[in-house]
């Protein structure tokens, strides 16, 4: 048989473990919310300051605010505004481009 004192000690140990587990869970939740908030803050700051917002879909140059155009075919790619070769080169590679299929490779329809 266990004595009344031993039962109280076991209850205190269990309560301490539960409290420690709850505190750990609260710290993890707080850390997750803090990380999400910091990421949102950094995105907003980058948007305000014109820091790199992505890369060109053709030449992979870093793009800043006002230095790129969206693909005209609607695929969502960002293309260099200042480089005249990026847009025509992307238009031939764009997954949303219109293609004409023929039955024979030699004929054009």
N, C-alpha and C. Protein backbone atom coordinates (compact mmCIF):
# COMPACT_ATOMS: atom_id res chain seq x y z
N UNK A 1 0.82 -1.18 0.00
CA UNK A 1 0.00 0.00 0.00
C UNK A 1 0.87 1.25 0.00
N UNK A 2 0.37 2.23 -0.74
CA UNK A 2 1.09 3.50 -0.74
C UNK A 2 0.47 4.43 0.29
N UNK A 3 1.30 5.19 0.90
CA UNK A 3 0.82 6.08 1.95
C UNK A 3 0.21 7.33 1.34
N UNK A 4 -0.48 8.07 2.15
CA UNK A 4 -1.13 9.30 1.74
C UNK A 4 -0.09 10.32 1.27
N UNK A 5 1.05 10.36 1.89
CA UNK A 5 2.12 11.31 1.53
C UNK A 5 2.65 10.99 0.14
N UNK A 6 2.85 9.71 -0.15
CA UNK A 6 3.34 9.31 -1.47
C UNK A 6 2.34 9.66 -2.55
N UNK A 7 1.07 9.52 -2.26
CA UNK A 7 0.05 9.89 -3.24
C UNK A 7 0.08 11.40 -3.51
N UNK A 8 0.27 12.19 -2.47
CA UNK A 8 0.36 13.64 -2.65
C UNK A 8 1.59 14.02 -3.46
N UNK A 9 2.70 13.36 -3.21
CA UNK A 9 3.93 13.62 -3.97
C UNK A 9 3.72 13.28 -5.44
N UNK A 10 3.11 12.13 -5.71
CA UNK A 10 2.85 11.73 -7.09
C UNK A 10 1.90 12.72 -7.77
N UNK A 11 0.90 13.21 -7.04
CA UNK A 11 -0.03 14.19 -7.60
C UNK A 11 0.69 15.49 -7.92
N UNK A 12 1.59 15.92 -7.03
CA UNK A 12 2.35 17.15 -7.28
C UNK A 12 3.27 17.00 -8.49
N UNK A 13 3.90 15.84 -8.61
CA UNK A 13 4.78 15.57 -9.76
C UNK A 13 3.98 15.61 -11.06
N UNK A 14 2.81 14.98 -11.06
CA UNK A 14 1.95 14.97 -12.26
C UNK A 14 1.49 16.38 -12.59
N UNK A 15 1.14 17.17 -11.58
CA UNK A 15 0.71 18.55 -11.82
C UNK A 15 1.85 19.39 -12.38
N UNK A 16 3.05 19.19 -11.88
CA UNK A 16 4.21 19.93 -12.38
C UNK A 16 4.50 19.56 -13.83
N UNK A 17 4.40 18.28 -14.16
CA UNK A 17 4.62 17.85 -15.55
C UNK A 17 3.57 18.45 -16.47
N UNK A 18 2.31 18.46 -16.04
CA UNK A 18 1.24 19.04 -16.86
C UNK A 18 1.46 20.53 -17.06
N UNK A 19 1.88 21.22 -16.00
CA UNK A 19 2.13 22.66 -16.10
C UNK A 19 3.29 22.94 -17.06
N UNK A 20 4.35 22.14 -16.94
CA UNK A 20 5.50 22.30 -17.84
C UNK A 20 5.10 22.06 -19.29
N UNK A 21 4.30 21.04 -19.53
CA UNK A 21 3.84 20.73 -20.89
C UNK A 21 2.97 21.87 -21.43
N UNK A 22 2.09 22.42 -20.61
CA UNK A 22 1.24 23.53 -21.03
C UNK A 22 2.07 24.77 -21.36
N UNK A 23 3.08 25.06 -20.53
CA UNK A 23 3.94 26.21 -20.79
C UNK A 23 4.72 26.03 -22.09
N UNK A 24 5.18 24.81 -22.35
CA UNK A 24 5.90 24.53 -23.60
C UNK A 24 5.00 24.74 -24.81
N UNK A 25 3.75 24.27 -24.69
CA UNK A 25 2.81 24.43 -25.79
C UNK A 25 2.51 25.91 -26.02
N UNK A 26 2.34 26.68 -24.96
CA UNK A 26 2.09 28.11 -25.10
C UNK A 26 3.28 28.82 -25.74
N UNK A 27 4.51 28.45 -25.35
CA UNK A 27 5.71 29.05 -25.96
C UNK A 27 5.78 28.72 -27.45
N UNK A 28 5.45 27.47 -27.81
CA UNK A 28 5.48 27.08 -29.22
C UNK A 28 4.44 27.87 -30.03
N UNK A 29 3.24 28.05 -29.47
CA UNK A 29 2.21 28.82 -30.17
C UNK A 29 2.64 30.27 -30.33
N UNK A 30 3.22 30.84 -29.28
CA UNK A 30 3.69 32.22 -29.34
C UNK A 30 4.80 32.37 -30.37
N UNK A 31 5.71 31.41 -30.41
CA UNK A 31 6.81 31.47 -31.39
C UNK A 31 6.26 31.39 -32.82
N UNK A 32 5.25 30.57 -33.03
CA UNK A 32 4.64 30.48 -34.37
C UNK A 32 3.98 31.78 -34.77
N UNK A 33 3.23 32.39 -33.84
CA UNK A 33 2.59 33.68 -34.15
C UNK A 33 3.63 34.76 -34.38
N UNK A 34 4.71 34.75 -33.60
CA UNK A 34 5.77 35.75 -33.76
C UNK A 34 6.45 35.60 -35.12
N UNK A 35 6.71 34.37 -35.50
CA UNK A 35 7.36 34.13 -36.79
C UNK A 35 6.47 34.60 -37.94
N UNK A 36 5.17 34.31 -37.88
CA UNK A 36 4.25 34.75 -38.93
C UNK A 36 4.17 36.28 -38.97
N UNK A 37 4.15 36.91 -37.81
CA UNK A 37 4.11 38.37 -37.76
C UNK A 37 5.37 39.00 -38.32
N UNK A 38 6.52 38.43 -38.01
CA UNK A 38 7.77 38.95 -38.55
C UNK A 38 7.84 38.80 -40.06
N UNK A 39 7.36 37.66 -40.55
CA UNK A 39 7.36 37.46 -42.00
C UNK A 39 6.46 38.49 -42.69
N UNK A 40 5.29 38.75 -42.13
CA UNK A 40 4.39 39.75 -42.70
C UNK A 40 5.03 41.13 -42.65
N UNK A 41 5.70 41.43 -41.55
CA UNK A 41 6.38 42.72 -41.42
C UNK A 41 7.48 42.88 -42.46
N UNK A 42 8.25 41.83 -42.66
CA UNK A 42 9.35 41.89 -43.65
C UNK A 42 8.79 42.03 -45.06
N UNK A 43 7.70 41.32 -45.37
CA UNK A 43 7.09 41.46 -46.70
C UNK A 43 6.60 42.89 -46.93
N UNK A 44 5.94 43.47 -45.92
CA UNK A 44 5.44 44.84 -46.06
C UNK A 44 6.59 45.82 -46.23
N UNK A 45 7.66 45.62 -45.47
CA UNK A 45 8.81 46.51 -45.57
C UNK A 45 9.46 46.39 -46.95
N UNK A 46 9.59 45.18 -47.44
CA UNK A 46 10.19 44.97 -48.77
C UNK A 46 9.33 45.63 -49.84
N UNK A 47 8.03 45.54 -49.68
CA UNK A 47 7.14 46.14 -50.66
C UNK A 47 7.27 47.66 -50.65
N UNK A 48 7.35 48.24 -49.45
CA UNK A 48 7.51 49.69 -49.34
C UNK A 48 8.83 50.17 -49.90
N UNK A 49 9.90 49.47 -49.62
CA UNK A 49 11.23 49.92 -49.99
C UNK A 49 11.62 49.52 -51.40
N UNK A 50 10.84 48.69 -52.06
CA UNK A 50 11.16 48.27 -53.41
C UNK A 50 12.23 47.21 -53.46
N UNK A 51 12.35 46.43 -52.41
CA UNK A 51 13.34 45.37 -52.38
C UNK A 51 12.87 44.23 -53.28
N UNK A 52 13.77 43.37 -53.64
CA UNK A 52 13.50 42.30 -54.59
C UNK A 52 12.16 41.61 -54.33
N UNK A 53 11.35 41.52 -55.37
CA UNK A 53 10.02 40.93 -55.27
C UNK A 53 9.92 39.62 -56.02
N UNK A 54 10.99 39.16 -56.59
CA UNK A 54 10.97 37.91 -57.34
C UNK A 54 12.07 37.92 -58.38
N UNK A 55 11.95 37.00 -59.32
CA UNK A 55 12.95 36.87 -60.37
C UNK A 55 12.27 36.82 -61.71
N UNK A 56 12.98 37.27 -62.74
CA UNK A 56 12.45 37.25 -64.11
C UNK A 56 12.22 35.81 -64.54
N UNK A 57 11.10 35.56 -65.21
CA UNK A 57 10.76 34.22 -65.66
C UNK A 57 11.63 33.75 -66.82
N UNK A 58 12.36 34.66 -67.46
CA UNK A 58 13.21 34.28 -68.60
C UNK A 58 14.69 34.28 -68.23
N UNK A 59 15.18 35.40 -67.69
CA UNK A 59 16.62 35.51 -67.46
C UNK A 59 17.00 35.36 -65.98
N UNK A 60 16.04 35.25 -65.09
CA UNK A 60 16.24 35.02 -63.65
C UNK A 60 16.94 36.18 -62.94
N UNK A 61 16.85 37.39 -63.49
CA UNK A 61 17.38 38.55 -62.79
C UNK A 61 16.47 38.92 -61.63
N UNK A 62 17.03 39.46 -60.54
CA UNK A 62 16.16 39.92 -59.46
C UNK A 62 15.32 41.11 -59.91
N UNK A 63 14.07 41.13 -59.51
CA UNK A 63 13.15 42.19 -59.92
C UNK A 63 12.75 43.03 -58.71
N UNK A 64 12.79 44.33 -58.89
CA UNK A 64 12.36 45.27 -57.86
C UNK A 64 11.01 45.85 -58.26
N UNK A 65 10.43 46.62 -57.36
CA UNK A 65 9.14 47.23 -57.66
C UNK A 65 9.29 48.17 -58.86
N UNK A 66 8.42 48.04 -59.84
CA UNK A 66 8.42 48.90 -61.01
C UNK A 66 9.39 48.49 -62.10
N UNK A 67 10.07 47.36 -61.93
CA UNK A 67 11.05 46.95 -62.94
C UNK A 67 10.60 45.72 -63.72
N UNK A 68 9.34 45.32 -63.56
CA UNK A 68 8.90 44.12 -64.26
C UNK A 68 7.47 44.27 -64.76
N UNK A 69 7.10 43.41 -65.69
CA UNK A 69 5.74 43.31 -66.21
C UNK A 69 5.25 41.89 -66.00
N UNK A 70 3.96 41.72 -65.83
CA UNK A 70 3.37 40.38 -65.74
C UNK A 70 3.23 39.83 -67.16
N UNK A 71 3.25 38.52 -67.29
CA UNK A 71 3.08 37.87 -68.59
C UNK A 71 1.71 38.25 -69.17
N UNK A 72 1.69 38.61 -70.45
CA UNK A 72 0.44 39.02 -71.09
C UNK A 72 -0.50 37.85 -71.35
N UNK A 73 0.01 36.64 -71.27
CA UNK A 73 -0.81 35.45 -71.53
C UNK A 73 -1.45 34.90 -70.26
N UNK A 74 -1.15 35.50 -69.12
CA UNK A 74 -1.82 35.14 -67.89
C UNK A 74 -1.22 33.99 -67.10
N UNK A 75 0.03 33.64 -67.35
CA UNK A 75 0.63 32.54 -66.59
C UNK A 75 1.16 33.01 -65.24
N UNK A 76 1.25 34.33 -65.02
CA UNK A 76 1.69 34.86 -63.75
C UNK A 76 3.18 35.10 -63.65
N UNK A 77 3.93 34.86 -64.70
CA UNK A 77 5.38 35.07 -64.67
C UNK A 77 5.68 36.57 -64.67
N UNK A 78 6.74 36.95 -63.96
CA UNK A 78 7.22 38.33 -63.96
C UNK A 78 8.38 38.40 -64.94
N UNK A 79 8.36 39.41 -65.80
CA UNK A 79 9.37 39.55 -66.85
C UNK A 79 10.03 40.91 -66.76
N UNK A 80 11.33 40.96 -67.09
CA UNK A 80 12.08 42.22 -67.06
C UNK A 80 11.43 43.26 -67.96
N UNK A 81 11.29 44.47 -67.44
CA UNK A 81 10.74 45.55 -68.24
C UNK A 81 11.83 46.19 -69.09
N UNK A 82 13.03 46.28 -68.56
CA UNK A 82 14.10 46.98 -69.26
C UNK A 82 14.83 46.16 -70.30
N UNK A 83 14.65 44.85 -70.29
CA UNK A 83 15.35 44.00 -71.25
C UNK A 83 14.38 43.63 -72.37
N UNK A 84 14.60 44.11 -73.60
CA UNK A 84 13.62 43.85 -74.66
C UNK A 84 13.58 42.39 -75.11
N UNK A 85 14.56 41.58 -74.74
CA UNK A 85 14.55 40.20 -75.20
C UNK A 85 13.77 39.26 -74.30
N UNK A 86 13.50 39.64 -73.06
CA UNK A 86 12.86 38.72 -72.11
C UNK A 86 11.40 38.43 -72.47
N UNK A 87 10.65 39.46 -72.85
CA UNK A 87 9.22 39.25 -73.13
C UNK A 87 9.01 38.39 -74.37
N UNK A 88 9.67 38.68 -75.53
CA UNK A 88 9.47 37.80 -76.69
C UNK A 88 9.98 36.38 -76.45
N UNK A 89 11.05 36.25 -75.70
CA UNK A 89 11.58 34.91 -75.43
C UNK A 89 10.62 34.12 -74.55
N UNK A 90 10.01 34.79 -73.57
CA UNK A 90 9.05 34.09 -72.70
C UNK A 90 7.79 33.71 -73.46
N UNK A 91 7.36 34.57 -74.39
CA UNK A 91 6.11 34.30 -75.10
C UNK A 91 6.16 32.97 -75.86
N UNK A 92 7.34 32.57 -76.32
CA UNK A 92 7.44 31.28 -77.02
C UNK A 92 7.47 30.12 -76.04
N UNK A 93 7.84 30.37 -74.77
CA UNK A 93 7.93 29.31 -73.77
C UNK A 93 6.72 29.26 -72.85
N UNK A 94 5.87 30.25 -72.90
CA UNK A 94 4.76 30.38 -71.95
C UNK A 94 3.82 29.17 -72.04
N UNK A 95 3.45 28.59 -70.91
CA UNK A 95 2.54 27.45 -70.94
C UNK A 95 1.14 27.81 -71.42
N UNK A 96 0.78 29.09 -71.43
CA UNK A 96 -0.56 29.50 -71.89
C UNK A 96 -0.57 29.98 -73.34
N UNK A 97 0.51 29.78 -74.07
CA UNK A 97 0.56 30.25 -75.46
C UNK A 97 -0.38 29.40 -76.32
N UNK A 98 -0.85 29.98 -77.40
CA UNK A 98 -1.70 29.23 -78.32
C UNK A 98 -0.81 28.45 -79.27
N UNK A 99 -1.17 27.23 -79.50
CA UNK A 99 -0.39 26.39 -80.40
C UNK A 99 -1.30 25.84 -81.49
N UNK A 100 -0.76 25.70 -82.66
CA UNK A 100 -1.50 25.14 -83.78
C UNK A 100 -0.93 23.76 -84.08
N UNK A 101 -1.75 22.75 -83.97
CA UNK A 101 -1.30 21.40 -84.24
C UNK A 101 -1.72 20.98 -85.64
N UNK A 102 -0.83 20.27 -86.34
CA UNK A 102 -1.15 19.76 -87.68
C UNK A 102 -0.95 18.25 -87.67
N UNK A 103 -1.53 17.59 -88.67
CA UNK A 103 -1.40 16.15 -88.77
C UNK A 103 -0.03 15.73 -89.31
N UNK A 104 0.48 16.54 -90.22
CA UNK A 104 1.80 16.20 -90.75
C UNK A 104 2.76 17.32 -90.44
N UNK A 105 3.99 16.99 -90.11
CA UNK A 105 4.95 18.03 -89.75
C UNK A 105 5.32 18.94 -90.89
N UNK A 106 5.17 18.52 -92.13
CA UNK A 106 5.58 19.33 -93.27
C UNK A 106 4.55 20.36 -93.68
N UNK A 107 3.31 20.20 -93.30
CA UNK A 107 2.27 21.13 -93.76
C UNK A 107 1.98 22.17 -92.70
N UNK A 108 1.55 23.33 -93.13
CA UNK A 108 1.14 24.37 -92.21
C UNK A 108 -0.34 24.61 -92.41
N UNK A 109 -1.07 24.68 -91.36
CA UNK A 109 -2.52 24.87 -91.52
C UNK A 109 -2.94 26.07 -90.79
